[in-house]
Protein backbone atom coordinates (compact mmCIF):
# COMPACT_ATOMS: atom_id res chain seq x y z
CA MET A 1 6.13 148.49 68.50
CA ARG A 2 8.50 145.93 70.08
CA SER A 3 11.55 147.22 71.88
CA ILE A 4 14.83 145.49 70.78
CA THR A 5 18.08 146.11 72.59
CA LYS A 6 21.43 144.94 71.26
CA LEU A 7 23.62 143.34 73.94
CA GLU A 8 27.33 143.69 73.20
CA PRO A 9 29.65 140.84 74.34
CA SER A 10 31.18 141.63 77.71
CA ALA A 11 34.59 140.13 76.76
CA PRO A 12 36.29 139.85 73.36
CA GLN A 13 36.40 136.39 71.85
CA ILE A 14 39.86 134.78 71.99
CA PRO A 15 40.73 133.25 68.63
CA ALA A 16 41.60 129.57 68.67
CA ARG A 17 45.33 128.94 68.67
CA LYS A 18 46.76 127.20 65.62
CA CYS A 19 48.66 123.97 66.33
CA VAL A 20 51.99 124.35 64.52
CA ALA A 21 54.84 121.87 64.01
CA ALA A 22 58.08 121.98 62.05
CA TYR A 23 59.90 119.39 59.95
CA ALA A 24 63.70 119.28 59.58
CA ARG A 25 66.03 116.83 57.88
CA VAL A 26 69.69 116.31 57.06
CA SER A 27 70.91 113.69 54.57
CA SER A 28 74.24 112.93 56.24
CA GLY A 29 75.27 111.67 59.67
CA LYS A 30 78.43 113.79 59.76
CA ASP A 31 79.01 116.05 62.75
CA ALA A 32 78.56 119.24 60.72
CA MET A 33 75.20 118.07 59.40
CA LEU A 34 74.00 116.95 62.82
CA HIS A 35 75.01 120.37 64.19
CA SER A 36 72.93 121.93 61.40
CA LEU A 37 69.96 119.74 62.37
CA SER A 38 70.31 120.76 66.01
CA ALA A 39 70.35 124.42 64.95
CA GLN A 40 67.19 123.91 62.85
CA ILE A 41 65.38 122.30 65.79
CA SER A 42 66.34 125.15 68.13
CA TYR A 43 65.38 127.78 65.56
CA TYR A 44 61.92 126.40 64.84
CA SER A 45 61.18 125.66 68.49
CA ALA A 46 61.88 129.27 69.42
CA MET A 47 60.11 130.65 66.34
CA ILE A 48 56.84 128.81 66.95
CA GLN A 49 56.75 129.39 70.71
CA LYS A 50 57.16 133.15 70.25
CA ARG A 51 53.79 133.42 68.51
CA ARG A 52 50.91 133.79 70.95
CA ASP A 53 48.41 132.62 68.37
CA TRP A 54 50.33 129.38 67.80
CA GLU A 55 50.38 126.23 69.89
CA TYR A 56 53.78 124.54 69.75
CA VAL A 57 53.43 120.85 68.79
CA GLY A 58 57.08 120.01 68.24
CA VAL A 59 59.84 119.58 65.66
CA TYR A 60 59.96 116.36 63.68
CA ALA A 61 63.54 115.70 62.63
CA ASP A 62 65.08 112.92 60.50
CA GLU A 63 68.82 112.34 60.77
CA ALA A 64 70.99 111.05 57.90
CA LEU A 65 68.04 110.19 55.69
CA THR A 66 67.57 111.24 52.10
CA GLY A 67 64.53 113.23 51.02
CA THR A 68 64.02 110.98 48.00
CA LYS A 69 62.89 108.06 50.20
CA ASP A 70 59.55 107.51 51.91
CA GLU A 71 60.93 105.51 54.87
CA ARG A 72 61.70 108.60 56.98
CA PRO A 73 60.27 107.67 60.41
CA GLU A 74 59.81 111.23 61.71
CA PHE A 75 58.19 112.32 58.45
CA GLN A 76 55.77 109.40 58.69
CA ARG A 77 55.04 110.30 62.33
CA LEU A 78 54.34 113.87 61.25
CA MET A 79 51.88 112.67 58.59
CA ASN A 80 50.10 110.42 61.09
CA ASP A 81 49.75 113.25 63.62
CA CYS A 82 48.27 115.44 60.88
CA ARG A 83 45.80 112.69 60.00
CA ASN A 84 44.81 112.48 63.67
CA GLY A 85 44.01 116.20 63.77
CA LEU A 86 46.91 117.19 66.05
CA ILE A 87 48.48 119.69 63.64
CA ASP A 88 47.07 122.67 61.71
CA MET A 89 50.24 123.91 60.02
CA VAL A 90 53.71 122.54 59.22
CA ILE A 91 56.76 124.76 58.74
CA THR A 92 59.80 123.52 56.86
CA LYS A 93 62.97 125.18 55.62
CA SER A 94 62.54 124.44 51.91
CA ILE A 95 61.04 122.08 49.36
CA ALA A 96 64.35 120.18 49.20
CA ARG A 97 64.21 119.55 52.97
CA PHE A 98 60.60 118.35 52.79
CA ALA A 99 61.16 115.96 49.84
CA ARG A 100 63.29 115.90 46.69
CA ASN A 101 60.95 113.49 44.97
CA THR A 102 58.29 115.56 43.19
CA VAL A 103 55.67 112.80 43.35
CA THR A 104 56.26 112.17 47.08
CA MET A 105 56.11 115.87 47.88
CA LEU A 106 52.91 116.53 45.90
CA GLU A 107 51.15 113.46 47.31
CA ALA A 108 51.97 114.53 50.87
CA VAL A 109 50.97 118.17 50.29
CA ARG A 110 47.71 117.22 48.58
CA GLU A 111 46.79 114.82 51.37
CA LEU A 112 47.52 117.48 54.00
CA LYS A 113 45.53 120.05 52.02
CA LEU A 114 42.48 117.76 52.08
CA LEU A 115 42.96 117.48 55.85
CA GLY A 116 43.06 121.28 56.12
CA VAL A 117 46.75 121.31 57.08
CA ASP A 118 48.89 124.08 55.59
CA VAL A 119 52.58 123.52 54.77
CA TYR A 120 54.72 126.65 54.77
CA PHE A 121 58.01 126.49 52.85
CA GLU A 122 60.13 129.20 54.42
CA LYS A 123 62.81 129.64 51.75
CA GLU A 124 60.33 129.79 48.85
CA ASN A 125 57.73 131.73 50.92
CA ILE A 126 54.92 129.43 49.73
CA HIS A 127 51.82 128.25 51.60
CA SER A 128 50.56 124.98 50.15
CA ILE A 129 46.97 125.79 51.04
CA SER A 130 46.98 129.00 48.94
CA GLY A 131 45.41 129.14 45.47
CA ASP A 132 48.61 129.15 43.42
CA GLY A 133 50.61 127.17 45.97
CA GLU A 134 50.46 123.80 44.20
CA VAL A 135 51.48 125.24 40.84
CA MET A 136 54.58 126.86 42.32
CA LEU A 137 55.38 123.77 44.36
CA THR A 138 55.21 121.52 41.28
CA ILE A 139 57.67 123.70 39.39
CA LEU A 140 60.09 124.16 42.28
CA ALA A 141 59.90 120.51 43.37
CA SER A 142 60.85 119.45 39.84
CA TYR A 143 63.95 121.64 40.12
CA ALA A 144 64.74 120.09 43.52
CA GLN A 145 64.39 116.57 42.10
CA GLU A 146 66.62 117.41 39.16
CA GLU A 147 69.18 118.89 41.54
CA SER A 148 69.08 115.64 43.53
CA ARG A 149 69.70 113.64 40.34
CA SER A 150 72.60 115.90 39.38
CA VAL A 151 74.22 115.55 42.82
CA SER A 152 73.73 111.78 42.67
CA GLU A 153 75.37 111.53 39.23
CA ASN A 154 78.32 113.60 40.42
CA CYS A 155 78.76 111.32 43.45
CA LYS A 156 78.57 108.22 41.24
CA TRP A 157 81.20 109.63 38.88
CA ARG A 158 83.53 110.42 41.78
CA ILE A 159 83.09 106.97 43.38
CA ARG A 160 83.55 105.11 40.08
CA LYS A 161 86.71 107.09 39.35
CA ARG A 162 88.09 106.01 42.73
CA PHE A 163 87.16 102.39 41.94
CA LYS A 164 89.03 102.69 38.65
CA ASN A 165 92.08 103.88 40.60
CA GLY A 166 91.84 100.81 42.86
CA GLU A 167 90.75 102.69 46.00
CA LEU A 168 88.53 101.28 48.72
CA VAL A 169 85.36 103.36 48.94
CA SER A 170 82.71 103.42 51.68
CA LEU A 171 84.17 100.42 53.53
CA ARG A 172 82.84 100.80 57.07
CA PHE A 173 82.29 97.41 58.70
CA ILE A 174 84.04 94.09 58.10
CA PHE A 175 84.58 91.35 60.68
CA GLY A 176 88.27 91.09 61.58
CA TYR A 177 89.09 94.71 60.83
CA ARG A 178 88.61 98.13 62.35
CA ILE A 179 88.17 101.05 59.95
CA VAL A 180 88.73 104.64 61.11
CA LYS A 181 88.55 107.43 58.53
CA GLY A 182 89.43 105.08 55.70
CA ASP A 183 92.38 103.50 57.54
CA VAL A 184 91.91 99.70 57.57
CA LYS A 185 93.65 97.84 60.40
CA VAL A 186 93.55 94.19 61.46
CA TYR A 187 91.65 93.59 64.71
CA GLU A 188 93.55 90.56 65.99
CA LYS A 189 90.84 89.29 68.34
CA GLU A 190 88.43 88.81 65.42
CA ALA A 191 91.17 88.00 62.90
CA ALA A 192 91.94 84.81 64.84
CA ILE A 193 88.28 83.78 64.40
CA VAL A 194 88.52 84.45 60.64
CA ARG A 195 91.59 82.18 60.38
CA MET A 196 89.74 79.47 62.35
CA ILE A 197 86.76 79.71 59.97
CA PHE A 198 89.00 79.23 56.93
CA ASP A 199 90.87 76.32 58.57
CA ASP A 200 87.62 74.58 59.52
CA TYR A 201 86.13 75.10 56.07
CA ILE A 202 89.22 73.71 54.34
CA GLY A 203 89.21 70.87 56.88
CA GLY A 204 85.80 69.71 55.68
CA MET A 205 83.27 71.55 57.89
CA GLY A 206 80.32 73.24 56.22
CA GLY A 207 78.91 76.68 56.88
CA SER A 208 76.17 75.41 59.22
CA LYS A 209 78.59 73.37 61.35
CA ILE A 210 81.03 76.28 61.63
CA ALA A 211 78.17 78.60 62.62
CA GLN A 212 77.09 76.13 65.33
CA LYS A 213 80.67 76.03 66.62
CA LEU A 214 80.86 79.84 66.77
CA ARG A 215 77.56 80.07 68.63
CA ALA A 216 78.70 77.39 71.09
CA MET A 217 81.87 79.42 71.70
CA ASP A 218 79.71 82.54 72.39
CA ILE A 219 81.62 84.53 69.77
CA PRO A 220 79.67 87.66 68.84
CA ALA A 221 79.07 88.26 65.14
CA LEU A 222 79.55 91.60 63.44
CA ARG A 223 77.40 94.38 64.95
CA GLY A 224 75.61 92.02 67.34
CA GLY A 225 74.20 89.61 64.76
CA THR A 226 73.82 85.83 65.04
CA TRP A 227 76.15 83.43 63.30
CA ASP A 228 74.51 81.37 60.56
CA SER A 229 75.72 79.56 57.46
CA GLU A 230 75.20 82.62 55.26
CA ARG A 231 77.50 84.78 57.41
CA VAL A 232 80.17 82.08 57.46
CA VAL A 233 80.06 81.53 53.69
CA ALA A 234 80.17 85.32 53.13
CA ILE A 235 83.47 85.42 55.05
CA VAL A 236 84.92 82.47 53.13
CA LYS A 237 84.01 84.13 49.79
CA ASN A 238 85.32 87.58 50.71
CA GLU A 239 88.57 88.35 48.91
CA LYS A 240 89.29 91.21 51.31
CA TYR A 241 90.59 88.75 53.90
CA ALA A 242 93.51 88.04 51.54
CA GLY A 243 94.31 91.78 51.37
CA ASN A 244 92.68 92.37 47.97
CA ALA A 245 89.44 94.03 46.92
CA LEU A 246 86.97 93.44 44.09
CA LEU A 247 85.51 96.90 43.59
CA GLN A 248 82.02 97.86 42.39
CA LYS A 249 80.33 94.58 43.33
CA LYS A 250 77.15 96.60 43.85
CA TYR A 251 75.80 99.84 42.44
CA VAL A 252 72.88 102.22 43.07
CA THR A 253 70.13 101.88 40.48
CA ASP A 254 68.72 105.42 40.70
CA HIS A 255 68.78 108.51 42.87
CA LEU A 256 65.17 108.17 44.00
CA THR A 257 65.12 104.72 45.58
CA LYS A 258 68.87 104.63 46.45
CA LYS A 259 68.54 100.86 46.09
CA GLU A 260 71.78 98.90 45.81
CA VAL A 261 71.83 95.86 43.51
CA TRP A 262 74.50 93.30 42.67
CA ASN A 263 76.55 94.21 39.63
CA LYS A 264 75.96 91.38 37.15
CA GLY A 265 77.93 92.77 34.25
CA VAL A 266 76.13 96.11 33.99
CA LEU A 267 79.19 98.08 35.13
CA PRO A 268 82.89 97.20 35.07
CA MET A 269 84.47 95.75 38.22
CA TYR A 270 88.06 96.28 39.29
CA PHE A 271 90.27 93.83 41.17
CA ALA A 272 92.83 95.72 43.24
CA GLU A 273 95.66 93.87 44.97
CA GLY A 274 97.22 94.85 48.28
CA THR A 275 94.65 97.48 49.19
CA HIS A 276 94.89 96.72 52.93
CA PRO A 277 96.56 94.28 55.40
CA ALA A 278 95.69 90.60 54.85
CA ILE A 279 94.42 88.23 57.55
CA ILE A 280 95.01 85.01 55.57
CA ASP A 281 97.48 84.21 52.82
CA ALA A 282 96.56 83.85 49.14
CA ASP A 283 97.01 80.06 49.09
CA THR A 284 94.55 79.57 51.95
CA PHE A 285 91.98 81.77 50.21
CA GLU A 286 92.36 79.93 46.89
CA LYS A 287 92.02 76.53 48.61
CA ALA A 288 88.77 77.65 50.23
CA GLN A 289 87.40 78.90 46.88
CA ALA A 290 88.28 75.61 45.18
CA ILE A 291 86.48 73.61 47.90
CA MET A 292 83.46 75.91 47.67
CA GLU A 293 83.27 75.40 43.89
CA GLN A 294 83.53 71.61 44.31
CA ARG A 295 80.64 71.64 46.78
CA ARG A 296 78.62 73.90 44.52
CA GLN A 297 79.06 71.53 41.59
CA ARG A 298 78.21 68.53 43.75
CA PHE A 299 74.95 69.93 45.09
CA ARG A 300 73.91 71.93 42.03
CA THR A 301 70.43 71.04 40.73
CA LYS A 302 69.62 70.67 37.06
CA SER A 303 68.39 73.83 35.38
CA ASP A 304 65.14 72.16 34.28
CA THR A 305 64.31 70.92 37.78
CA PRO A 306 61.36 72.86 39.20
CA ASN A 307 62.27 74.59 42.44
CA ARG A 308 59.10 76.51 43.19
CA TYR A 309 56.03 75.06 44.85
CA PRO A 310 52.69 76.60 45.85
CA PHE A 311 53.91 77.11 49.43
CA SER A 312 57.40 78.41 48.55
CA GLY A 313 58.02 81.74 50.26
CA LYS A 314 54.56 81.64 51.84
CA ILE A 315 55.11 79.88 55.19
CA LEU A 316 56.77 81.98 57.88
CA CYS A 317 58.21 80.67 61.16
CA VAL A 318 57.20 83.22 63.81
CA ASN A 319 59.79 81.78 66.20
CA CYS A 320 62.86 82.79 64.13
CA GLY A 321 61.45 84.82 61.22
CA LYS A 322 62.66 82.48 58.45
CA ASN A 323 60.61 80.81 55.71
CA TYR A 324 59.74 77.12 55.59
CA LYS A 325 61.39 74.92 52.96
CA ARG A 326 60.30 71.72 51.29
CA LYS A 327 62.16 68.50 52.03
CA THR A 328 61.80 64.84 51.10
CA ALA A 329 62.01 61.86 53.49
CA ASN A 330 61.13 58.27 52.61
CA ASP A 331 59.35 59.41 49.43
CA ASN A 332 57.15 61.76 51.50
CA PHE A 333 57.19 65.56 51.37
CA TYR A 334 57.37 67.86 54.39
CA TRP A 335 57.79 71.57 55.07
CA ASN A 336 60.10 72.74 57.83
CA CYS A 337 61.72 75.95 59.03
CA SER A 338 64.95 76.68 57.13
CA THR A 339 66.69 77.58 60.41
CA TYR A 340 65.82 74.16 61.84
CA LEU A 341 67.08 72.44 58.68
CA GLN A 342 70.38 74.34 58.70
CA GLU A 343 71.15 74.78 62.38
CA GLY A 344 69.12 72.18 64.26
CA LYS A 345 66.49 72.03 66.98
CA ALA A 346 68.61 73.95 69.50
CA THR A 347 68.30 77.12 67.39
CA CYS A 348 64.68 76.72 66.27
CA PRO A 349 62.43 73.90 67.58
CA ALA A 350 59.87 74.27 64.77
CA LYS A 351 57.99 71.13 63.87
CA GLN A 352 57.75 69.84 60.31
CA ILE A 353 54.38 69.92 58.53
CA PRO A 354 53.42 67.13 56.12
CA GLU A 355 52.67 68.51 52.66
CA ASP A 356 49.42 66.57 52.31
CA THR A 357 48.29 68.12 55.64
CA LEU A 358 49.03 71.58 54.23
CA TYR A 359 46.97 70.83 51.13
CA THR A 360 44.02 69.56 53.19
CA VAL A 361 44.02 72.38 55.76
CA THR A 362 44.46 75.08 53.11
CA ALA A 363 41.57 73.73 51.05
CA GLU A 364 39.35 73.82 54.18
CA VAL A 365 40.33 77.42 54.92
CA LEU A 366 39.66 78.45 51.31
CA GLY A 367 36.31 76.67 51.36
CA ILE A 368 37.12 74.40 48.41
CA GLN A 369 37.05 70.60 48.21
CA VAL A 370 40.43 70.15 46.50
CA PHE A 371 43.48 72.39 46.88
CA ASP A 372 43.90 74.79 43.96
CA ALA A 373 47.29 76.52 43.60
CA GLU A 374 45.89 79.47 41.61
CA ILE A 375 43.13 80.21 44.12
CA PHE A 376 45.64 79.89 46.95
CA ALA A 377 48.12 82.32 45.32
CA GLU A 378 45.33 84.77 44.51
CA ARG A 379 43.72 84.87 47.96
CA VAL A 380 46.43 84.05 50.56
CA SER A 381 49.47 86.28 51.06
CA GLU A 382 51.15 84.37 53.91
CA ILE A 383 50.86 81.44 56.33
CA GLN A 384 52.37 82.09 59.75
CA VAL A 385 53.35 79.30 62.15
CA PRO A 386 53.10 80.84 65.65
CA GLU A 387 53.63 77.48 67.37
CA ASN A 388 53.55 73.77 66.58
CA ASN A 389 50.31 72.46 65.05
CA ARG A 390 48.94 76.00 64.57
CA LEU A 391 48.66 77.83 61.25
CA LEU A 392 47.57 81.44 60.79
CA PHE A 393 46.39 82.23 57.25
CA ILE A 394 46.80 85.91 56.24
CA PHE A 395 44.48 86.77 53.36
CA ARG A 396 45.17 89.54 50.86
CA ASP A 397 41.97 91.32 51.90
CA GLY A 398 43.22 91.55 55.50
CA ARG A 399 41.31 88.61 56.97
CA ARG A 400 43.05 86.19 59.33
CA VAL A 401 42.01 82.59 59.84
CA GLU A 402 43.65 80.33 62.41
CA LYS A 403 43.69 76.58 61.94
CA ILE A 404 44.92 73.77 64.21
CA TRP A 405 46.12 70.62 62.50
CA GLN A 406 46.50 67.17 64.05
CA ASP A 407 49.33 64.72 63.55
CA LYS A 408 48.34 61.59 61.71
CA SER A 409 48.47 58.42 63.73
CA ARG A 410 50.91 55.82 62.51
CA ARG A 411 48.01 53.63 61.45
CA ASP A 412 46.41 56.38 59.35
CA SER A 413 49.70 57.39 57.75
CA TRP A 414 50.41 53.89 56.38
CA ASP A 415 49.12 52.81 52.99
CA ASP A 416 48.46 49.22 51.85
CA ALA A 417 51.94 48.79 50.37
CA MET A 418 53.58 49.89 53.63
CA ARG A 419 51.40 47.52 55.66
CA GLN A 420 52.24 44.62 53.33
CA ALA A 421 55.97 45.39 53.58
CA ALA A 422 55.71 45.46 57.39
CA ARG A 423 53.91 42.07 57.44
CA GLU A 424 56.56 40.53 55.22
CA GLN A 425 59.31 41.92 57.40
CA GLN A 426 57.63 40.53 60.52
CA ILE A 427 57.33 37.06 58.92
CA GLU A 428 60.98 37.16 57.91
CA ASN A 429 61.99 38.10 61.46
CA LEU A 430 60.01 35.13 62.88
CA LYS A 431 61.61 32.72 60.39
CA ARG A 432 65.07 33.94 61.33
CA ARG A 433 64.40 33.49 65.04
CA ASN A 434 63.13 29.93 64.44
CA ARG A 435 66.28 29.07 62.51
CA GLU A 436 68.42 30.42 65.32
């Protein structure tokens, strides 16, 4: 008979500590809400660190962001840390704090469940990783989403009623004014610039020229932006500089995306006079609008003129972030950065690309003999121009192909008709010199 002796462990095994984090969010940037967020962070930090079996990871907190959107940076950071295995459990105050969009909430919870990460909803006392957790979460999240829709509809009704009464709503930033708690006052330092813009525009200068002038004068744009033709034209079009307000120009499409769109007849608009102090008089504003309409009519293209090409919206200038546009010169077609075309070489020194060069290079990259617009649209998502004579093709499958193109020599770029015209011109010049 063999002798077997059981050896008991000399020290008890210490269970592995669970890595725990918390998520907090407030949907408003007001002081009271930010105080609430600070209280949530303090509460969860203390709560997690009290537990000896928990390892404190941190509190992920989003300020002034709605739970119906997916762009919450701290929420996305939390999800990435869970994917990287840094977190075992997430604690949050309630379903409404985690997400008010049922689909977003369930997708996040299901993904975390597959990763082995539990989400504990304190108010509802639900663990997502439990057997009946998802069923309860689906029901309660639907209630939270409906509550969000109800709150959104109430806010819309209140705002639209104020519009109907001719009140300015949610006006926070406008060049030439300072707005404090709804009180709109003229900021004379910027107001003088507004008057100069209107005078220059009425005097015959265009938006691009005025923008160049403002940049040369080192005048800062609103909230640190850069002056361009779009900003200038937006000022010239804005009726608020005459002391009036066209209300409900934009509206929110739905409570989930919170996306604002231009109101093109879907909802009524209200024109309210004398809502705030004017910077320019009514006559000056009307003159500017009349000139703008004249220019619009002069440069308007026919409705049946095609304005989209295979490369439209596809070529990106890395230098300034704007798209390339098509232009015509001497019956030839080129693509150049829109910033260069509007504001000149001093703002963006991007070099123009001949259209036939684009066709040739793109066909080579796609591995086809002749450029095909359908194949190009199907396979290529973007062409970046990091520097002159370099193109970076971004494919839809994630591949990147860099191509260097060469400028055509003058000899190669001339056709037979151009050569014949040059010969005739040279002969004519010689005849003229002989006569002289």
